[in-house]
Amino acid sequence: MAVVYLNKRFVQAERAKVSAFDRGFSYGDGLFETLRAYAGWVFGLERHLGRLRKGAVQIGIPFRGEPPQWRKVMGELLRRNGLEAGDSSLRLTITRGADTLGSLLPPETPPSPTLLLVAKPLDAGIFEYQQTGFGAITFRWGSPFNPLGIKSLNYLYNMLAMAQARRESAQEALFVAPDGSIVEGTTSNLFTVSKGVLTTPPADSGLLPGITREVAIELAKKEGMTVREALVPVDELLSADEAFVTGSLKEVMPLTTVDGRKIGDGNPGQVTRFLQERYWAAVEEERLQGVRGATRER
């Protein structure tokens, strides 16, 4: 029986109740973060909470809680759901809270925010696609759609694009701006590799600057690779030597086909494989440091 963490309490999922007047339900007035846990250790927690806190400040939702507190809560939630031994995903959602319906504008006196944390096992398909690569479609969008660069609850277009991808037997959809350049995926950021140079769309193109995107850039630069933040036209992606996408659950995921056309030879590339290994090593390094730190605190 699943357990969730709602407004500072662990409760059975079927008993978890949110007000019908919650602005997250009425207007999508909120934010969320998706995190991945490795044998109970949540990777990149400080980065995720930092992004969530920044977004909360931008839209005026009070959010409190330091990484050690949230790490304790997340660890307990994983334990209560029997997920502390394997790989799992967590979603932390924050909304402005309950408010009387009728006004699109947020109230002058903010209500108490709603906080919901959910944990579940990681989709087993991710491991398979990390080895074989996966396919994407291009999905044309009218304009850069995330000018604030925040992970808001307004994911309708992402959902519709992903539904179209599934209808075409693909695993991701890449949003294409009016100028013909790719902005990002529905739940990922894009990288291409050509002649050893990595290119990823810039943050000011309207994308959500992903945590895994940030880590991948850091790891690539640490290994002496050249990383460009520049527009990626669809034709440039299709002619790349290799490509991959990044996301907290996907990690570094090989992108092998787009609109049915192969990227490179249609197999995961060497740079992608190398960065996968470096990413997994970074995860393990952080996990071990965290375990050692927790041991010293005892």
C-alpha atoms as a PDB file:
ATOM      1  CA  MET A   1       0.000   0.000   0.000  1.00  0.00           C
ATOM      2  CA  ALA A   2       1.664   3.219  -1.199  1.00  0.00           C
ATOM      3  CA  VAL A   3       2.549   6.048   1.176  1.00  0.00           C
ATOM      4  CA  VAL A   4       2.936   9.716   0.200  1.00  0.00           C
ATOM      5  CA  TYR A   5       4.187  12.780   2.068  1.00  0.00           C
ATOM      6  CA  LEU A   6       1.531  15.491   2.077  1.00  0.00           C
ATOM      7  CA  ASN A   7       1.853  18.770   3.989  1.00  0.00           C
ATOM      8  CA  LYS A   8       4.421  17.438   6.475  1.00  0.00           C
ATOM      9  CA  ARG A   9       2.638  14.128   7.106  1.00  0.00           C
ATOM     10  CA  PHE A  10       3.152  10.603   5.819  1.00  0.00           C
ATOM     11  CA  VAL A  11      -0.228   9.244   4.776  1.00  0.00           C
ATOM     12  CA  GLN A  12      -1.609   6.305   2.839  1.00  0.00           C
ATOM     13  CA  ALA A  13      -1.985   7.333  -0.803  1.00  0.00           C
ATOM     14  CA  GLU A  14      -5.705   6.570  -0.912  1.00  0.00           C
ATOM     15  CA  ARG A  15      -6.243   8.835   2.104  1.00  0.00           C
ATOM     16  CA  ALA A  16      -4.207  11.758   0.758  1.00  0.00           C
ATOM     17  CA  LYS A  17      -6.592  14.655   0.157  1.00  0.00           C
ATOM     18  CA  VAL A  18      -6.026  18.024  -1.518  1.00  0.00           C
ATOM     19  CA  SER A  19      -8.638  20.793  -1.487  1.00  0.00           C
ATOM     20  CA  ALA A  20     -10.906  21.133  -4.516  1.00  0.00           C
ATOM     21  CA  PHE A  21     -10.036  24.838  -4.322  1.00  0.00           C
ATOM     22  CA  ASP A  22      -6.289  24.262  -4.605  1.00  0.00           C
ATOM     23  CA  ARG A  23      -4.856  26.671  -7.171  1.00  0.00           C
ATOM     24  CA  GLY A  24      -2.612  23.966  -8.542  1.00  0.00           C
ATOM     25  CA  PHE A  25      -5.755  22.113  -9.631  1.00  0.00           C
ATOM     26  CA  SER A  26      -7.618  25.234 -10.764  1.00  0.00           C
ATOM     27  CA  TYR A  27      -4.862  27.125 -12.587  1.00  0.00           C
ATOM     28  CA  GLY A  28      -1.735  24.969 -12.665  1.00  0.00           C
ATOM     29  CA  ASP A  29      -0.379  27.455 -10.132  1.00  0.00           C
ATOM     30  CA  GLY A  30       2.630  25.555  -8.889  1.00  0.00           C
ATOM     31  CA  LEU A  31       5.972  23.920  -9.530  1.00  0.00           C
ATOM     32  CA  PHE A  32       7.506  20.468  -9.359  1.00  0.00           C
ATOM     33  CA  GLU A  33      10.789  18.608  -9.418  1.00  0.00           C
ATOM     34  CA  THR A  34      11.442  15.031 -10.493  1.00  0.00           C
ATOM     35  CA  LEU A  35      14.389  13.357  -8.789  1.00  0.00           C
ATOM     36  CA  ARG A  36      16.064   9.968  -9.041  1.00  0.00           C
ATOM     37  CA  ALA A  37      17.177   7.881  -6.089  1.00  0.00           C
ATOM     38  CA  TYR A  38      19.913   5.249  -6.273  1.00  0.00           C
ATOM     39  CA  ALA A  39      19.598   2.639  -3.511  1.00  0.00           C
ATOM     40  CA  GLY A  40      17.934   5.267  -1.348  1.00  0.00           C
ATOM     41  CA  TRP A  41      20.337   8.121  -2.210  1.00  0.00           C
ATOM     42  CA  VAL A  42      18.724  11.070  -4.004  1.00  0.00           C
ATOM     43  CA  PHE A  43      21.189  12.435  -6.547  1.00  0.00           C
ATOM     44  CA  GLY A  44      21.618  16.174  -7.064  1.00  0.00           C
ATOM     45  CA  LEU A  45      19.174  17.097  -4.306  1.00  0.00           C
ATOM     46  CA  GLU A  46      20.775  20.476  -3.620  1.00  0.00           C
ATOM     47  CA  ARG A  47      20.564  21.429  -7.319  1.00  0.00           C
ATOM     48  CA  HIS A  48      16.934  20.371  -7.600  1.00  0.00           C
ATOM     49  CA  LEU A  49      15.879  22.226  -4.459  1.00  0.00           C
ATOM     50  CA  GLY A  50      17.817  25.277  -5.637  1.00  0.00           C
ATOM     51  CA  ARG A  51      15.919  25.323  -8.924  1.00  0.00           C
ATOM     52  CA  LEU A  52      12.609  24.798  -7.133  1.00  0.00           C
ATOM     53  CA  ARG A  53      13.377  27.580  -4.672  1.00  0.00           C
ATOM     54  CA  LYS A  54      14.348  29.949  -7.489  1.00  0.00           C
ATOM     55  CA  GLY A  55      11.104  29.228  -9.337  1.00  0.00           C
ATOM     56  CA  ALA A  56       9.060  29.659  -6.151  1.00  0.00           C
ATOM     57  CA  VAL A  57      10.592  33.101  -5.610  1.00  0.00           C
ATOM     58  CA  GLN A  58       9.837  34.064  -9.225  1.00  0.00           C
ATOM     59  CA  ILE A  59       6.135  33.290  -8.929  1.00  0.00           C
ATOM     60  CA  GLY A  60       5.703  34.217  -5.263  1.00  0.00           C
ATOM     61  CA  ILE A  61       5.076  30.855  -3.606  1.00  0.00           C
ATOM     62  CA  PRO A  62       6.655  30.468  -0.147  1.00  0.00           C
ATOM     63  CA  PHE A  63       8.915  27.431  -0.044  1.00  0.00           C
ATOM     64  CA  ARG A  64      11.064  26.404   2.886  1.00  0.00           C
ATOM     65  CA  GLY A  65      13.216  23.461   3.725  1.00  0.00           C
ATOM     66  CA  GLU A  66      16.912  22.769   3.518  1.00  0.00           C
ATOM     67  CA  PRO A  67      18.524  19.800   1.715  1.00  0.00           C
ATOM     68  CA  PRO A  68      19.272  17.825   4.930  1.00  0.00           C
ATOM     69  CA  GLN A  69      15.609  18.047   5.966  1.00  0.00           C
ATOM     70  CA  TRP A  70      14.324  16.985   2.563  1.00  0.00           C
ATOM     71  CA  ARG A  71      16.894  14.204   2.302  1.00  0.00           C
ATOM     72  CA  LYS A  72      15.625  12.801   5.582  1.00  0.00           C
ATOM     73  CA  VAL A  73      11.984  13.044   4.445  1.00  0.00           C
ATOM     74  CA  MET A  74      12.736  11.458   1.074  1.00  0.00           C
ATOM     75  CA  GLY A  75      14.730   8.662   2.654  1.00  0.00           C
ATOM     76  CA  GLU A  76      11.874   7.906   5.029  1.00  0.00           C
ATOM     77  CA  LEU A  77       9.321   7.931   2.207  1.00  0.00           C
ATOM     78  CA  LEU A  78      11.443   5.512   0.198  1.00  0.00           C
ATOM     79  CA  ARG A  79      11.754   3.258   3.248  1.00  0.00           C
ATOM     80  CA  ARG A  80       8.010   3.273   3.901  1.00  0.00           C
ATOM     81  CA  ASN A  81       7.381   2.260   0.285  1.00  0.00           C
ATOM     82  CA  GLY A  82      10.036  -0.457   0.275  1.00  0.00           C
ATOM     83  CA  LEU A  83      12.120   1.412  -2.298  1.00  0.00           C
ATOM     84  CA  GLU A  84      15.333   1.994  -0.382  1.00  0.00           C
ATOM     85  CA  ALA A  85      17.234  -0.855  -2.055  1.00  0.00           C
ATOM     86  CA  GLY A  86      16.638  -0.156  -5.753  1.00  0.00           C
ATOM     87  CA  ASP A  87      16.398   2.718  -8.212  1.00  0.00           C
ATOM     88  CA  SER A  88      13.319   4.883  -7.871  1.00  0.00           C
ATOM     89  CA  SER A  89      11.865   8.239  -8.814  1.00  0.00           C
ATOM     90  CA  LEU A  90      10.409  10.975  -6.640  1.00  0.00           C
ATOM     91  CA  ARG A  91       8.241  13.916  -7.555  1.00  0.00           C
ATOM     92  CA  LEU A  92       8.025  16.943  -5.278  1.00  0.00           C
ATOM     93  CA  THR A  93       5.068  19.186  -6.115  1.00  0.00           C
ATOM     94  CA  ILE A  94       4.332  22.578  -4.578  1.00  0.00           C
ATOM     95  CA  THR A  95       1.247  24.676  -5.284  1.00  0.00           C
ATOM     96  CA  ARG A  96       0.127  28.047  -3.995  1.00  0.00           C
ATOM     97  CA  GLY A  97      -2.504  26.235  -1.952  1.00  0.00           C
ATOM     98  CA  ALA A  98      -6.252  26.482  -1.504  1.00  0.00           C
ATOM     99  CA  ASP A  99      -8.007  29.696  -2.537  1.00  0.00           C
ATOM    100  CA  THR A 100     -11.585  30.718  -3.265  1.00  0.00           C
ATOM    101  CA  LEU A 101     -12.358  30.156  -6.925  1.00  0.00           C
ATOM    102  CA  GLY A 102     -13.251  33.062  -9.171  1.00  0.00           C
ATOM    103  CA  SER A 103     -10.078  35.071  -9.603  1.00  0.00           C
ATOM    104  CA  LEU A 104      -7.215  34.235 -11.922  1.00  0.00           C
ATOM    105  CA  LEU A 105      -4.997  36.586  -9.927  1.00  0.00           C
ATOM    106  CA  PRO A 106      -3.297  35.093  -6.900  1.00  0.00           C
ATOM    107  CA  PRO A 107      -4.555  36.412  -3.542  1.00  0.00           C
ATOM    108  CA  GLU A 108      -2.727  39.329  -1.946  1.00  0.00           C
ATOM    109  CA  THR A 109      -2.274  37.233   1.177  1.00  0.00           C
ATOM    110  CA  PRO A 110      -0.834  33.918  -0.034  1.00  0.00           C
ATOM    111  CA  PRO A 111      -2.523  30.817   1.385  1.00  0.00           C
ATOM    112  CA  SER A 112      -0.402  28.055   2.846  1.00  0.00           C
ATOM    113  CA  PRO A 113       1.292  26.152   0.022  1.00  0.00           C
ATOM    114  CA  THR A 114       0.443  22.542  -0.671  1.00  0.00           C
ATOM    115  CA  LEU A 115       3.437  20.194  -0.605  1.00  0.00           C
ATOM    116  CA  LEU A 116       3.229  16.672  -2.020  1.00  0.00           C
ATOM    117  CA  LEU A 117       6.050  14.150  -2.346  1.00  0.00           C
ATOM    118  CA  VAL A 118       5.467  10.854  -4.173  1.00  0.00           C
ATOM    119  CA  ALA A 119       7.877   7.957  -4.725  1.00  0.00           C
ATOM    120  CA  LYS A 120       7.648   5.016  -7.120  1.00  0.00           C
ATOM    121  CA  PRO A 121       9.928   2.405  -8.702  1.00  0.00           C
ATOM    122  CA  LEU A 122      11.906   3.548 -11.730  1.00  0.00           C
ATOM    123  CA  ASP A 123      10.454   2.530 -15.080  1.00  0.00           C
ATOM    124  CA  ALA A 124      12.394  -0.579 -16.125  1.00  0.00           C
ATOM    125  CA  GLY A 125      12.285   0.515 -19.777  1.00  0.00           C
ATOM    126  CA  ILE A 126      14.821   3.251 -19.028  1.00  0.00           C
ATOM    127  CA  PHE A 127      17.606   0.701 -18.533  1.00  0.00           C
ATOM    128  CA  GLU A 128      16.887  -0.944 -21.892  1.00  0.00           C
ATOM    129  CA  TYR A 129      16.813   2.340 -23.819  1.00  0.00           C
ATOM    130  CA  GLN A 130      20.064   3.440 -22.187  1.00  0.00           C
ATOM    131  CA  GLN A 131      21.725   0.475 -23.872  1.00  0.00           C
ATOM    132  CA  THR A 132      19.980   0.503 -27.244  1.00  0.00           C
ATOM    133  CA  GLY A 133      19.089   4.178 -27.647  1.00  0.00           C
ATOM    134  CA  PHE A 134      15.623   5.480 -28.388  1.00  0.00           C
ATOM    135  CA  GLY A 135      13.718   7.456 -30.978  1.00  0.00           C
ATOM    136  CA  ALA A 136      12.101  10.876 -31.023  1.00  0.00           C
ATOM    137  CA  ILE A 137       9.838  12.909 -33.268  1.00  0.00           C
ATOM    138  CA  THR A 138       9.958  16.636 -33.934  1.00  0.00           C
ATOM    139  CA  PHE A 139       6.968  18.630 -32.724  1.00  0.00           C
ATOM    140  CA  ARG A 140       6.565  22.161 -34.006  1.00  0.00           C
ATOM    141  CA  TRP A 141       5.593  24.761 -31.466  1.00  0.00           C
ATOM    142  CA  GLY A 142       4.643  28.365 -32.067  1.00  0.00           C
ATOM    143  CA  SER A 143       7.274  30.038 -29.906  1.00  0.00           C
ATOM    144  CA  PRO A 144       9.738  29.367 -27.095  1.00  0.00           C
ATOM    145  CA  PHE A 145       7.303  28.221 -24.467  1.00  0.00           C
ATOM    146  CA  ASN A 146       9.089  28.628 -21.141  1.00  0.00           C
ATOM    147  CA  PRO A 147      10.314  32.236 -20.954  1.00  0.00           C
ATOM    148  CA  LEU A 148      10.765  32.028 -17.180  1.00  0.00           C
ATOM    149  CA  GLY A 149      12.751  28.787 -17.387  1.00  0.00           C
ATOM    150  CA  ILE A 150      10.784  27.256 -14.509  1.00  0.00           C
ATOM    151  CA  LYS A 151       9.314  23.791 -14.083  1.00  0.00           C
ATOM    152  CA  SER A 152       5.694  24.841 -13.686  1.00  0.00           C
ATOM    153  CA  LEU A 153       2.677  22.541 -13.541  1.00  0.00           C
ATOM    154  CA  ASN A 154       1.544  23.692 -16.993  1.00  0.00           C
ATOM    155  CA  TYR A 155       2.600  20.613 -18.941  1.00  0.00           C
ATOM    156  CA  LEU A 156      -0.386  20.290 -21.278  1.00  0.00           C
ATOM    157  CA  TYR A 157       1.625  20.801 -24.488  1.00  0.00           C
ATOM    158  CA  ASN A 158       4.355  18.479 -23.258  1.00  0.00           C
ATOM    159  CA  MET A 159       1.720  15.830 -22.612  1.00  0.00           C
ATOM    160  CA  LEU A 160       0.122  16.264 -26.045  1.00  0.00           C
ATOM    161  CA  ALA A 161       3.510  16.098 -27.764  1.00  0.00           C
ATOM    162  CA  MET A 162       4.427  12.944 -25.867  1.00  0.00           C
ATOM    163  CA  ALA A 163       1.106  11.359 -26.811  1.00  0.00           C
ATOM    164  CA  GLN A 164       1.887  12.067 -30.471  1.00  0.00           C
ATOM    165  CA  ALA A 165       5.347  10.528 -30.045  1.00  0.00           C
ATOM    166  CA  ARG A 166       3.834   7.334 -28.679  1.00  0.00           C
ATOM    167  CA  ARG A 167       1.385   7.173 -31.577  1.00  0.00           C
ATOM    168  CA  GLU A 168       4.434   7.230 -33.861  1.00  0.00           C
ATOM    169  CA  SER A 169       6.245   4.552 -31.799  1.00  0.00           C
ATOM    170  CA  ALA A 170       8.818   7.036 -30.454  1.00  0.00           C
ATOM    171  CA  GLN A 171       9.873   7.651 -26.863  1.00  0.00           C
ATOM    172  CA  GLU A 172      10.324  11.443 -26.895  1.00  0.00           C
ATOM    173  CA  ALA A 173       9.183  14.556 -28.767  1.00  0.00           C
ATOM    174  CA  LEU A 174      11.504  17.471 -29.514  1.00  0.00           C
ATOM    175  CA  PHE A 175       9.960  20.940 -29.639  1.00  0.00           C
ATOM    176  CA  VAL A 176      10.905  22.948 -32.725  1.00  0.00           C
ATOM    177  CA  ALA A 177      10.764  26.766 -32.593  1.00  0.00           C
ATOM    178  CA  PRO A 178       9.522  28.944 -35.510  1.00  0.00           C
ATOM    179  CA  ASP A 179      13.110  29.451 -36.692  1.00  0.00           C
ATOM    180  CA  GLY A 180      13.480  25.690 -37.209  1.00  0.00           C
ATOM    181  CA  SER A 181      15.768  25.102 -34.233  1.00  0.00           C
ATOM    182  CA  ILE A 182      15.143  22.556 -31.506  1.00  0.00           C
ATOM    183  CA  VAL A 183      14.436  23.935 -28.043  1.00  0.00           C
ATOM    184  CA  GLU A 184      14.183  20.811 -25.876  1.00  0.00           C
ATOM    185  CA  GLY A 185      12.273  17.575 -25.402  1.00  0.00           C
ATOM    186  CA  THR A 186       9.063  17.106 -23.451  1.00  0.00           C
ATOM    187  CA  THR A 187      11.056  15.836 -20.465  1.00  0.00           C
ATOM    188  CA  SER A 188      14.658  16.258 -21.566  1.00  0.00           C
ATOM    189  CA  ASN A 189      17.393  18.505 -22.914  1.00  0.00           C
ATOM    190  CA  LEU A 190      19.164  17.813 -26.204  1.00  0.00           C
ATOM    191  CA  PHE A 191      22.857  17.411 -27.053  1.00  0.00           C
ATOM    192  CA  THR A 192      24.444  16.733 -30.442  1.00  0.00           C
ATOM    193  CA  VAL A 193      27.988  15.549 -31.088  1.00  0.00           C
ATOM    194  CA  SER A 194      29.782  16.471 -34.315  1.00  0.00           C
ATOM    195  CA  LYS A 195      33.527  16.041 -34.783  1.00  0.00           C
ATOM    196  CA  GLY A 196      33.890  15.693 -31.034  1.00  0.00           C
ATOM    197  CA  VAL A 197      32.145  18.990 -30.229  1.00  0.00           C
ATOM    198  CA  LEU A 198      29.024  18.913 -28.053  1.00  0.00           C
ATOM    199  CA  THR A 199      26.239  21.378 -28.829  1.00  0.00           C
ATOM    200  CA  THR A 200      23.147  22.010 -26.713  1.00  0.00           C
ATOM    201  CA  PRO A 201      20.464  24.688 -27.157  1.00  0.00           C
ATOM    202  CA  PRO A 202      21.130  27.790 -25.030  1.00  0.00           C
ATOM    203  CA  ALA A 203      19.164  28.547 -21.872  1.00  0.00           C
ATOM    204  CA  ASP A 204      17.682  31.720 -23.405  1.00  0.00           C
ATOM    205  CA  SER A 205      15.981  29.737 -26.202  1.00  0.00           C
ATOM    206  CA  GLY A 206      13.013  29.074 -23.917  1.00  0.00           C
ATOM    207  CA  LEU A 207      14.036  25.715 -22.475  1.00  0.00           C
ATOM    208  CA  LEU A 208      13.973  24.459 -18.925  1.00  0.00           C
ATOM    209  CA  PRO A 209      17.643  24.363 -17.851  1.00  0.00           C
ATOM    210  CA  GLY A 210      17.776  20.778 -16.639  1.00  0.00           C
ATOM    211  CA  ILE A 211      19.793  19.601 -13.671  1.00  0.00           C
ATOM    212  CA  THR A 212      21.200  16.654 -15.651  1.00  0.00           C
ATOM    213  CA  ARG A 213      21.987  19.012 -18.536  1.00  0.00           C
ATOM    214  CA  GLU A 214      24.042  21.085 -16.105  1.00  0.00           C
ATOM    215  CA  VAL A 215      25.864  18.030 -14.758  1.00  0.00           C
ATOM    216  CA  ALA A 216      26.557  16.696 -18.267  1.00  0.00           C
ATOM    217  CA  ILE A 217      28.082  20.022 -19.327  1.00  0.00           C
ATOM    218  CA  GLU A 218      30.280  20.071 -16.225  1.00  0.00           C
ATOM    219  CA  LEU A 219      31.447  16.491 -16.777  1.00  0.00           C
ATOM    220  CA  ALA A 220      32.181  17.053 -20.468  1.00  0.00           C
ATOM    221  CA  LYS A 221      34.217  20.178 -19.771  1.00  0.00           C
ATOM    222  CA  LYS A 222      36.060  18.397 -16.969  1.00  0.00           C
ATOM    223  CA  GLU A 223      37.106  15.766 -19.515  1.00  0.00           C
ATOM    224  CA  GLY A 224      38.420  18.470 -21.849  1.00  0.00           C
ATOM    225  CA  MET A 225      35.544  18.362 -24.312  1.00  0.00           C
ATOM    226  CA  THR A 226      34.295  21.446 -26.124  1.00  0.00           C
ATOM    227  CA  VAL A 227      30.693  22.314 -25.294  1.00  0.00           C
ATOM    228  CA  ARG A 228      28.776  24.913 -27.311  1.00  0.00           C
ATOM    229  CA  GLU A 229      25.495  26.428 -26.202  1.00  0.00           C
ATOM    230  CA  ALA A 230      24.002  27.329 -29.576  1.00  0.00           C
ATOM    231  CA  LEU A 231      20.873  26.857 -31.643  1.00  0.00           C
ATOM    232  CA  VAL A 232      20.463  23.368 -33.085  1.00  0.00           C
ATOM    233  CA  PRO A 233      18.529  23.380 -36.385  1.00  0.00           C
ATOM    234  CA  VAL A 234      16.718  20.131 -37.178  1.00  0.00           C
ATOM    235  CA  ASP A 235      19.018  19.525 -40.167  1.00  0.00           C
ATOM    236  CA  GLU A 236      22.056  19.877 -37.906  1.00  0.00           C
ATOM    237  CA  LEU A 237      20.664  17.266 -35.542  1.00  0.00           C
ATOM    238  CA  LEU A 238      19.959  14.861 -38.380  1.00  0.00           C
ATOM    239  CA  SER A 239      23.508  15.238 -39.732  1.00  0.00           C
ATOM    240  CA  ALA A 240      25.209  14.903 -36.330  1.00  0.00           C
ATOM    241  CA  ASP A 241      27.615  12.047 -35.607  1.00  0.00           C
ATOM    242  CA  GLU A 242      25.581  11.167 -32.524  1.00  0.00           C
ATOM    243  CA  ALA A 243      23.061  12.697 -30.148  1.00  0.00           C
ATOM    244  CA  PHE A 244      21.671  12.173 -26.682  1.00  0.00           C
ATOM    245  CA  VAL A 245      19.158  13.693 -24.307  1.00  0.00           C
ATOM    246  CA  THR A 246      19.463  14.279 -20.583  1.00  0.00           C
ATOM    247  CA  GLY A 247      16.976  14.127 -17.728  1.00  0.00           C
ATOM    248  CA  SER A 248      16.937  13.174 -14.061  1.00  0.00           C
ATOM    249  CA  LEU A 249      15.336   9.795 -14.756  1.00  0.00           C
ATOM    250  CA  LYS A 250      16.789   9.277 -18.246  1.00  0.00           C
ATOM    251  CA  GLU A 251      20.298  10.320 -17.132  1.00  0.00           C
ATOM    252  CA  VAL A 252      22.326  10.395 -20.396  1.00  0.00           C
ATOM    253  CA  MET A 253      20.049   8.707 -22.937  1.00  0.00           C
ATOM    254  CA  PRO A 254      21.253   7.877 -26.476  1.00  0.00           C
ATOM    255  CA  LEU A 255      19.069   9.405 -29.190  1.00  0.00           C
ATOM    256  CA  THR A 256      19.385   7.165 -32.247  1.00  0.00           C
ATOM    257  CA  THR A 257      16.472   8.135 -34.515  1.00  0.00           C
ATOM    258  CA  VAL A 258      14.461  11.306 -35.159  1.00  0.00           C
ATOM    259  CA  ASP A 259      11.325  11.218 -37.303  1.00  0.00           C
ATOM    260  CA  GLY A 260      12.355   7.730 -38.370  1.00  0.00           C
ATOM    261  CA  ARG A 261      15.783   8.840 -39.617  1.00  0.00           C
ATOM    262  CA  LYS A 262      18.993   7.508 -38.085  1.00  0.00           C
ATOM    263  CA  ILE A 263      21.386   9.738 -36.181  1.00  0.00           C
ATOM    264  CA  GLY A 264      24.870   8.661 -37.209  1.00  0.00           C
ATOM    265  CA  ASP A 265      24.826   4.912 -37.736  1.00  0.00           C
ATOM    266  CA  GLY A 266      21.693   4.514 -35.640  1.00  0.00           C
ATOM    267  CA  ASN A 267      23.545   3.211 -32.566  1.00  0.00           C
ATOM    268  CA  PRO A 268      24.615   4.899 -29.318  1.00  0.00           C
ATOM    269  CA  GLY A 269      27.828   6.827 -29.980  1.00  0.00           C
ATOM    270  CA  GLN A 270      31.175   6.699 -28.231  1.00  0.00           C
ATOM    271  CA  VAL A 271      30.872  10.142 -26.637  1.00  0.00           C
ATOM    272  CA  THR A 272      27.402   9.287 -25.360  1.00  0.00           C
ATOM    273  CA  ARG A 273      28.684   6.043 -23.855  1.00  0.00           C
ATOM    274  CA  PHE A 274      31.621   7.855 -22.283  1.00  0.00           C
ATOM    275  CA  LEU A 275      29.390  10.487 -20.678  1.00  0.00           C
ATOM    276  CA  GLN A 276      27.019   7.791 -19.448  1.00  0.00           C
ATOM    277  CA  GLU A 277      29.936   6.217 -17.597  1.00  0.00           C
ATOM    278  CA  ARG A 278      31.099   9.557 -16.229  1.00  0.00           C
ATOM    279  CA  TYR A 279      27.571  10.380 -15.059  1.00  0.00           C
ATOM    280  CA  TRP A 280      27.175   7.042 -13.276  1.00  0.00           C
ATOM    281  CA  ALA A 281      30.558   7.587 -11.637  1.00  0.00           C
ATOM    282  CA  ALA A 282      29.465  11.059 -10.473  1.00  0.00           C
ATOM    283  CA  VAL A 283      26.295   9.573  -8.984  1.00  0.00           C
ATOM    284  CA  GLU A 284      28.244   6.918  -7.120  1.00  0.00           C
ATOM    285  CA  GLU A 285      30.811   9.444  -5.889  1.00  0.00           C
ATOM    286  CA  GLU A 286      28.109  11.709  -4.475  1.00  0.00           C
ATOM    287  CA  ARG A 287      26.292   8.749  -2.912  1.00  0.00           C
ATOM    288  CA  LEU A 288      29.415   7.463  -1.182  1.00  0.00           C
ATOM    289  CA  GLN A 289      30.300  10.940   0.069  1.00  0.00           C
ATOM    290  CA  GLY A 290      26.797  11.277   1.461  1.00  0.00           C
ATOM    291  CA  VAL A 291      26.951   7.901   3.173  1.00  0.00           C
ATOM    292  CA  ARG A 292      30.319   8.740   4.721  1.00  0.00           C
ATOM    293  CA  GLY A 293      28.986  12.117   5.865  1.00  0.00           C
ATOM    294  CA  ALA A 294      25.925  10.519   7.461  1.00  0.00           C
ATOM    295  CA  THR A 295      28.150   7.967   9.220  1.00  0.00           C
ATOM    296  CA  ARG A 296      30.346  10.732  10.688  1.00  0.00           C
ATOM    297  CA  GLU A 297      27.272  12.621  11.946  1.00  0.00           C
ATOM    298  CA  ARG A 298      26.180   9.575  13.952  1.00  0.00           C
END
